[in-house]
């Protein structure tokens, strides 16, 4: 009988050791998932902000291009007060004096 009790005790100890190991693995996995979800959430927010910045830059580029393309050249030879500070470029009113 003593041998059988020792066998049962060893099985119980093995079982508890396995349960502890499973608990450690489960806990670590939960922590990893929580960290991953938090990181993904932060990356999604960062992506939204970068997209908004990109759209703003595209809007500003379009506005600047529209101003330079649609602005009429200055009257006369294209220079400012008889001098041409930027030879070969058309001066617009915004840049004259």
Protein backbone atom coordinates (compact mmCIF):
# COMPACT_ATOMS: atom_id res chain seq x y z
CA UNK A 1 0.00 0.00 0.00
CA UNK A 2 2.81 2.40 0.76
CA UNK A 3 4.13 2.04 -2.78
CA UNK A 4 0.74 2.84 -4.22
CA UNK A 5 0.40 5.92 -2.00
CA UNK A 6 3.82 7.15 -3.17
CA UNK A 7 2.75 6.66 -6.77
CA UNK A 8 -0.45 8.64 -6.15
CA UNK A 9 1.51 11.42 -4.41
CA UNK A 10 3.96 11.62 -7.35
CA UNK A 11 1.07 11.85 -9.81
CA UNK A 12 -0.52 14.63 -7.74
CA UNK A 13 2.77 16.55 -7.66
CA UNK A 14 3.19 16.10 -11.43
CA UNK A 15 -0.36 17.30 -11.97
CA UNK A 16 0.20 20.44 -9.88
CA UNK A 17 3.51 21.12 -11.62
CA UNK A 18 1.77 20.82 -15.00
CA UNK A 19 -1.02 23.14 -13.83
CA UNK A 20 1.51 25.72 -12.67
CA UNK A 21 3.31 25.50 -16.00
CA UNK A 22 0.02 25.92 -17.88
CA UNK A 23 -0.85 28.91 -15.70
CA UNK A 24 2.48 30.59 -16.47
CA UNK A 25 2.06 29.98 -20.19
CA UNK A 26 -1.54 31.23 -20.15
CA UNK A 27 -0.60 34.35 -18.21
CA UNK A 28 2.31 35.12 -20.55
CA UNK A 29 0.11 34.60 -23.59
CA UNK A 30 -2.55 36.98 -22.21
CA UNK A 31 0.10 39.63 -21.52
CA UNK A 32 1.50 39.24 -25.03
CA UNK A 33 -1.95 39.60 -26.60
CA UNK A 34 -2.73 42.64 -24.47
CA UNK A 35 0.53 44.26 -25.53
CA UNK A 36 -0.10 43.35 -29.18
CA UNK A 37 -3.62 44.77 -29.14
CA UNK A 38 -2.39 47.96 -27.47
CA UNK A 39 0.40 48.30 -30.05
CA UNK A 40 -1.97 47.70 -32.95
CA UNK A 41 -4.36 50.31 -31.56
CA UNK A 42 -1.55 52.85 -31.33
CA UNK A 43 -0.41 52.03 -34.87
CA UNK A 44 -3.96 52.51 -36.19
CA UNK A 45 -4.16 55.94 -34.52
CA UNK A 46 -0.74 56.88 -35.88
CA UNK A 47 -1.79 55.77 -39.37
CA UNK A 48 -4.91 57.95 -39.15
CA UNK A 49 -2.83 60.96 -38.12
CA UNK A 50 -0.30 60.36 -40.92
CA UNK A 51 -3.12 60.02 -43.45
CA UNK A 52 -4.58 63.34 -42.27
CA UNK A 53 -1.18 65.03 -42.53
CA UNK A 54 -0.70 63.58 -46.02
CA UNK A 55 -4.09 64.89 -47.12
CA UNK A 56 -3.28 68.32 -45.69
CA UNK A 57 0.02 68.38 -47.56
CA UNK A 58 -1.71 67.39 -50.81
CA UNK A 59 -4.29 70.16 -50.28
CA UNK A 60 -1.57 72.76 -49.64
CA UNK A 61 0.40 71.58 -52.69
CA UNK A 62 -2.72 71.89 -54.83
CA UNK A 63 -3.43 75.39 -53.52
CA UNK A 64 0.15 76.54 -54.07
CA UNK A 65 0.22 75.06 -57.56
CA UNK A 66 -3.10 76.74 -58.37
CA UNK A 67 -1.77 80.13 -57.20
CA UNK A 68 1.39 79.89 -59.27
CA UNK A 69 -0.26 78.47 -62.38
CA UNK A 70 -3.30 80.77 -62.41
CA UNK A 71 -1.61 84.03 -61.34
CA UNK A 72 -1.32 86.45 -64.26
CA UNK A 73 2.17 87.75 -65.08
CA UNK A 74 3.01 91.34 -64.28
CA UNK A 75 2.37 93.93 -66.94
CA UNK A 76 5.31 94.90 -69.07
CA UNK A 77 8.38 92.82 -69.70
CA UNK A 78 7.92 90.57 -66.71
CA UNK A 79 10.39 92.42 -64.54
CA UNK A 80 9.83 94.39 -61.39
CA UNK A 81 10.47 98.17 -61.66
CA UNK A 82 12.72 97.84 -64.66
CA UNK A 83 14.90 95.07 -63.24
CA UNK A 84 14.58 91.31 -63.46
CA UNK A 85 15.62 89.76 -60.13
CA UNK A 86 14.88 86.22 -61.36
CA UNK A 87 15.80 86.01 -65.06
CA UNK A 88 13.75 83.53 -67.03
CA UNK A 89 10.95 83.31 -64.46
CA UNK A 90 7.58 85.00 -64.68
CA UNK A 91 7.04 87.33 -61.74
CA UNK A 92 3.66 87.40 -60.07
CA UNK A 93 2.18 90.26 -58.08
CA UNK A 94 2.82 88.45 -54.80
CA UNK A 95 6.58 88.57 -55.36
CA UNK A 96 6.97 92.00 -56.83
CA UNK A 97 8.32 94.29 -54.12
